[in-house]
Amino acid sequence: MTLTHFDAAGQAHMVDVSEKPETAREATAEGAVVMAPETLVLALGGAEKGDVLGVARLAGIMGAKRTAELIPLCHPLPITKVTLDLAADEALPGIRIRATVRTSGRTGVEMEALTAVSVAALTVYDMLKAAEKGMRIEGIRLLYKAGGKSGIWEAAP
């Protein structure tokens, strides 16, 4: 298999997408922040820093928009939609995070969806670390992508 971010000499480079047709693109990613039940209570309304889930949602959206500034070989994309869902899960216990990103362009938005989840999870950690430093960020993965030459891809359950 050939990795697209390396040229024939093995040098890293930004992939040339200028000849690709513009298509509708979408990607969904997920992850979770696992914490103690007491910390989850704080996340749902008792945190001194304020609305943990609301701030993390905004941070995730901002992260998706700035992916090309963070990941060296990502193309800057005109993102048309970012949706972030953060939900308490007492069975973890913790917060489950899901991001969906859309655009119309020559390259996909998988990295933007993964970055949105990552930044939202880091923000949850940051806002709650005073209560629990042992929280774990887990399971960040791509669930779905659509658009482009490869079409639809879905992760195994």
C-alpha atoms as a PDB file:
ATOM      1  CA  MET A   1       0.000   0.000   0.000  1.00  0.00           C
ATOM      2  CA  THR A   2       1.247   3.488  -0.860  1.00  0.00           C
ATOM      3  CA  LEU A   3       0.926   6.261   1.713  1.00  0.00           C
ATOM      4  CA  THR A   4      -0.243   9.440   0.017  1.00  0.00           C
ATOM      5  CA  HIS A   5       1.642  11.877   2.249  1.00  0.00           C
ATOM      6  CA  PHE A   6       5.061  10.650   1.057  1.00  0.00           C
ATOM      7  CA  ASP A   7       6.616  11.159  -2.373  1.00  0.00           C
ATOM      8  CA  ALA A   8       8.686   8.545  -4.269  1.00  0.00           C
ATOM      9  CA  ALA A   9      11.796   9.556  -2.299  1.00  0.00           C
ATOM     10  CA  GLY A  10      10.010   9.122   1.044  1.00  0.00           C
ATOM     11  CA  GLN A  11       9.730  12.853   1.719  1.00  0.00           C
ATOM     12  CA  ALA A  12       6.573  14.131   3.417  1.00  0.00           C
ATOM     13  CA  HIS A  13       4.438  16.353   1.188  1.00  0.00           C
ATOM     14  CA  MET A  14       0.963  17.780   0.943  1.00  0.00           C
ATOM     15  CA  VAL A  15      -1.148  15.711  -1.452  1.00  0.00           C
ATOM     16  CA  ASP A  16      -2.097  17.498  -4.681  1.00  0.00           C
ATOM     17  CA  VAL A  17      -5.899  17.460  -4.845  1.00  0.00           C
ATOM     18  CA  SER A  18      -6.229  20.053  -7.620  1.00  0.00           C
ATOM     19  CA  GLU A  19      -7.398  17.484 -10.187  1.00  0.00           C
ATOM     20  CA  LYS A  20      -9.987  15.864  -7.918  1.00  0.00           C
ATOM     21  CA  PRO A  21     -13.629  16.798  -8.469  1.00  0.00           C
ATOM     22  CA  GLU A  22     -15.467  18.647  -5.732  1.00  0.00           C
ATOM     23  CA  THR A  23     -18.003  16.419  -4.009  1.00  0.00           C
ATOM     24  CA  ALA A  24     -20.080  16.552  -0.856  1.00  0.00           C
ATOM     25  CA  ARG A  25     -17.964  15.220   2.027  1.00  0.00           C
ATOM     26  CA  GLU A  26     -18.975  14.104   5.495  1.00  0.00           C
ATOM     27  CA  ALA A  27     -17.243  12.373   8.400  1.00  0.00           C
ATOM     28  CA  THR A  28     -18.291  11.309  11.887  1.00  0.00           C
ATOM     29  CA  ALA A  29     -15.941  10.479  14.761  1.00  0.00           C
ATOM     30  CA  GLU A  30     -16.421   9.525  18.391  1.00  0.00           C
ATOM     31  CA  GLY A  31     -14.562   9.345  21.685  1.00  0.00           C
ATOM     32  CA  ALA A  32     -15.129   9.469  25.424  1.00  0.00           C
ATOM     33  CA  VAL A  33     -13.794  10.946  28.629  1.00  0.00           C
ATOM     34  CA  VAL A  34     -13.988   8.387  31.435  1.00  0.00           C
ATOM     35  CA  MET A  35     -14.193   9.762  34.970  1.00  0.00           C
ATOM     36  CA  ALA A  36     -15.371   9.016  38.500  1.00  0.00           C
ATOM     37  CA  PRO A  37     -19.137   9.283  39.125  1.00  0.00           C
ATOM     38  CA  GLU A  38     -18.545  12.342  41.366  1.00  0.00           C
ATOM     39  CA  THR A  39     -16.694  14.097  38.559  1.00  0.00           C
ATOM     40  CA  LEU A  40     -19.526  13.337  36.146  1.00  0.00           C
ATOM     41  CA  VAL A  41     -21.910  15.108  38.544  1.00  0.00           C
ATOM     42  CA  LEU A  42     -19.655  18.168  38.371  1.00  0.00           C
ATOM     43  CA  ALA A  43     -19.572  17.964  34.560  1.00  0.00           C
ATOM     44  CA  LEU A  44     -23.346  18.086  34.462  1.00  0.00           C
ATOM     45  CA  GLY A  45     -23.725  21.326  36.352  1.00  0.00           C
ATOM     46  CA  GLY A  46     -21.583  21.655  39.420  1.00  0.00           C
ATOM     47  CA  ALA A  47     -18.243  22.752  37.928  1.00  0.00           C
ATOM     48  CA  GLU A  48     -16.771  26.047  39.124  1.00  0.00           C
ATOM     49  CA  LYS A  49     -15.647  26.932  35.579  1.00  0.00           C
ATOM     50  CA  GLY A  50     -19.220  26.828  34.270  1.00  0.00           C
ATOM     51  CA  ASP A  51     -20.978  24.889  31.514  1.00  0.00           C
ATOM     52  CA  VAL A  52     -18.482  22.070  30.835  1.00  0.00           C
ATOM     53  CA  LEU A  53     -20.386  20.485  27.947  1.00  0.00           C
ATOM     54  CA  GLY A  54     -21.229  23.812  26.285  1.00  0.00           C
ATOM     55  CA  VAL A  55     -17.643  25.038  26.431  1.00  0.00           C
ATOM     56  CA  ALA A  56     -16.347  21.669  25.156  1.00  0.00           C
ATOM     57  CA  ARG A  57     -18.841  21.782  22.263  1.00  0.00           C
ATOM     58  CA  LEU A  58     -17.585  25.216  21.198  1.00  0.00           C
ATOM     59  CA  ALA A  59     -13.951  24.112  21.582  1.00  0.00           C
ATOM     60  CA  GLY A  60     -14.601  21.074  19.380  1.00  0.00           C
ATOM     61  CA  ILE A  61     -16.161  23.238  16.678  1.00  0.00           C
ATOM     62  CA  MET A  62     -13.179  25.587  16.821  1.00  0.00           C
ATOM     63  CA  GLY A  63     -10.815  22.596  16.668  1.00  0.00           C
ATOM     64  CA  ALA A  64     -12.499  21.289  13.510  1.00  0.00           C
ATOM     65  CA  LYS A  65     -12.157  24.715  11.880  1.00  0.00           C
ATOM     66  CA  ARG A  66      -8.435  24.910  12.749  1.00  0.00           C
ATOM     67  CA  THR A  67      -7.390  21.364  11.848  1.00  0.00           C
ATOM     68  CA  ALA A  68      -5.113  22.485   9.002  1.00  0.00           C
ATOM     69  CA  GLU A  69      -3.205  24.664  11.501  1.00  0.00           C
ATOM     70  CA  LEU A  70      -2.633  21.697  13.824  1.00  0.00           C
ATOM     71  CA  ILE A  71      -2.014  18.753  11.478  1.00  0.00           C
ATOM     72  CA  PRO A  72       0.886  19.700   9.173  1.00  0.00           C
ATOM     73  CA  LEU A  73      -0.251  18.104   5.892  1.00  0.00           C
ATOM     74  CA  CYS A  74      -4.012  18.733   6.123  1.00  0.00           C
ATOM     75  CA  HIS A  75      -5.594  21.007   3.551  1.00  0.00           C
ATOM     76  CA  PRO A  76      -7.490  24.049   4.830  1.00  0.00           C
ATOM     77  CA  LEU A  77     -11.136  23.350   4.024  1.00  0.00           C
ATOM     78  CA  PRO A  78     -14.273  25.472   3.794  1.00  0.00           C
ATOM     79  CA  ILE A  79     -16.232  23.598   6.458  1.00  0.00           C
ATOM     80  CA  THR A  80     -19.966  24.011   5.982  1.00  0.00           C
ATOM     81  CA  LYS A  81     -21.245  22.236   9.123  1.00  0.00           C
ATOM     82  CA  VAL A  82     -19.884  20.938  12.418  1.00  0.00           C
ATOM     83  CA  THR A  83     -22.145  19.133  14.864  1.00  0.00           C
ATOM     84  CA  LEU A  84     -20.859  18.073  18.282  1.00  0.00           C
ATOM     85  CA  ASP A  85     -22.919  15.944  20.632  1.00  0.00           C
ATOM     86  CA  LEU A  86     -21.700  15.478  24.208  1.00  0.00           C
ATOM     87  CA  ALA A  87     -23.726  13.144  26.374  1.00  0.00           C
ATOM     88  CA  ALA A  88     -23.357  11.862  29.910  1.00  0.00           C
ATOM     89  CA  ASP A  89     -23.059   8.099  30.176  1.00  0.00           C
ATOM     90  CA  GLU A  90     -23.383   6.833  33.747  1.00  0.00           C
ATOM     91  CA  ALA A  91     -22.315   3.338  32.617  1.00  0.00           C
ATOM     92  CA  LEU A  92     -18.802   4.603  31.709  1.00  0.00           C
ATOM     93  CA  PRO A  93     -19.026   6.778  33.821  1.00  0.00           C
ATOM     94  CA  GLY A  94     -18.172   9.804  31.714  1.00  0.00           C
ATOM     95  CA  ILE A  95     -18.956  11.877  28.661  1.00  0.00           C
ATOM     96  CA  ARG A  96     -19.407  10.407  25.184  1.00  0.00           C
ATOM     97  CA  ILE A  97     -18.512  12.754  22.329  1.00  0.00           C
ATOM     98  CA  ARG A  98     -19.561  12.514  18.683  1.00  0.00           C
ATOM     99  CA  ALA A  99     -18.679  14.997  15.926  1.00  0.00           C
ATOM    100  CA  THR A 100     -19.939  15.224  12.356  1.00  0.00           C
ATOM    101  CA  VAL A 101     -18.278  17.562   9.870  1.00  0.00           C
ATOM    102  CA  ARG A 102     -19.441  18.459   6.347  1.00  0.00           C
ATOM    103  CA  THR A 103     -17.996  20.294   3.385  1.00  0.00           C
ATOM    104  CA  SER A 104     -18.070  20.332  -0.376  1.00  0.00           C
ATOM    105  CA  GLY A 105     -14.554  19.974  -1.662  1.00  0.00           C
ATOM    106  CA  ARG A 106     -11.702  17.945  -3.112  1.00  0.00           C
ATOM    107  CA  THR A 107     -10.647  16.172   0.078  1.00  0.00           C
ATOM    108  CA  GLY A 108     -12.422  14.646   3.044  1.00  0.00           C
ATOM    109  CA  VAL A 109     -13.126  15.906   6.538  1.00  0.00           C
ATOM    110  CA  GLU A 110     -12.091  12.844   8.547  1.00  0.00           C
ATOM    111  CA  MET A 111      -9.269  14.724  10.271  1.00  0.00           C
ATOM    112  CA  GLU A 112     -11.610  17.597  11.112  1.00  0.00           C
ATOM    113  CA  ALA A 113     -14.102  15.229  12.783  1.00  0.00           C
ATOM    114  CA  LEU A 114     -11.319  13.478  14.716  1.00  0.00           C
ATOM    115  CA  THR A 115      -9.836  16.819  15.764  1.00  0.00           C
ATOM    116  CA  ALA A 116     -13.242  18.081  16.910  1.00  0.00           C
ATOM    117  CA  VAL A 117     -13.667  15.046  19.191  1.00  0.00           C
ATOM    118  CA  SER A 118     -10.097  15.316  20.475  1.00  0.00           C
ATOM    119  CA  VAL A 119     -10.316  19.031  21.308  1.00  0.00           C
ATOM    120  CA  ALA A 120     -13.739  18.612  22.948  1.00  0.00           C
ATOM    121  CA  ALA A 121     -12.369  15.737  25.077  1.00  0.00           C
ATOM    122  CA  LEU A 122      -9.300  17.752  26.064  1.00  0.00           C
ATOM    123  CA  THR A 123     -11.554  20.649  27.043  1.00  0.00           C
ATOM    124  CA  VAL A 124     -13.681  18.393  29.258  1.00  0.00           C
ATOM    125  CA  TYR A 125     -10.462  17.196  30.895  1.00  0.00           C
ATOM    126  CA  ASP A 126      -9.167  20.747  31.334  1.00  0.00           C
ATOM    127  CA  MET A 127     -12.360  21.986  32.944  1.00  0.00           C
ATOM    128  CA  LEU A 128     -12.562  19.055  35.377  1.00  0.00           C
ATOM    129  CA  LYS A 129      -8.900  18.301  36.152  1.00  0.00           C
ATOM    130  CA  ALA A 130      -9.052  20.107  39.487  1.00  0.00           C
ATOM    131  CA  ALA A 131     -11.534  17.459  40.632  1.00  0.00           C
ATOM    132  CA  GLU A 132      -9.873  14.435  38.996  1.00  0.00           C
ATOM    133  CA  LYS A 133      -6.511  14.212  37.288  1.00  0.00           C
ATOM    134  CA  GLY A 134      -6.920  10.492  36.504  1.00  0.00           C
ATOM    135  CA  MET A 135      -9.655  10.922  33.870  1.00  0.00           C
ATOM    136  CA  ARG A 136      -9.005   8.985  30.646  1.00  0.00           C
ATOM    137  CA  ILE A 137      -9.641  10.062  27.082  1.00  0.00           C
ATOM    138  CA  GLU A 138     -10.486   6.890  25.172  1.00  0.00           C
ATOM    139  CA  GLY A 139     -11.765   5.394  21.967  1.00  0.00           C
ATOM    140  CA  ILE A 140     -11.249   8.284  19.568  1.00  0.00           C
ATOM    141  CA  ARG A 141     -11.984   6.846  16.147  1.00  0.00           C
ATOM    142  CA  LEU A 142     -13.575   7.493  12.795  1.00  0.00           C
ATOM    143  CA  LEU A 143     -17.061   6.015  12.497  1.00  0.00           C
ATOM    144  CA  TYR A 144     -18.147   7.102   9.033  1.00  0.00           C
ATOM    145  CA  LYS A 145     -16.975   8.978   5.958  1.00  0.00           C
ATOM    146  CA  ALA A 146     -18.707   9.732   2.696  1.00  0.00           C
ATOM    147  CA  GLY A 147     -17.739  11.467  -0.525  1.00  0.00           C
ATOM    148  CA  GLY A 148     -14.922  11.394  -3.000  1.00  0.00           C
ATOM    149  CA  LYS A 149     -13.602   8.508  -5.056  1.00  0.00           C
ATOM    150  CA  SER A 150     -13.715   5.980  -2.222  1.00  0.00           C
ATOM    151  CA  GLY A 151     -17.365   6.707  -1.429  1.00  0.00           C
ATOM    152  CA  ILE A 152     -18.833   5.528   1.866  1.00  0.00           C
ATOM    153  CA  TRP A 153     -16.822   3.871   4.625  1.00  0.00           C
ATOM    154  CA  GLU A 154     -18.205   2.744   7.977  1.00  0.00           C
ATOM    155  CA  ALA A 155     -16.378   1.399  11.021  1.00  0.00           C
ATOM    156  CA  ALA A 156     -17.197  -2.069  12.255  1.00  0.00           C
ATOM    157  CA  PRO A 157     -19.448  -1.970  15.338  1.00  0.00           C
END
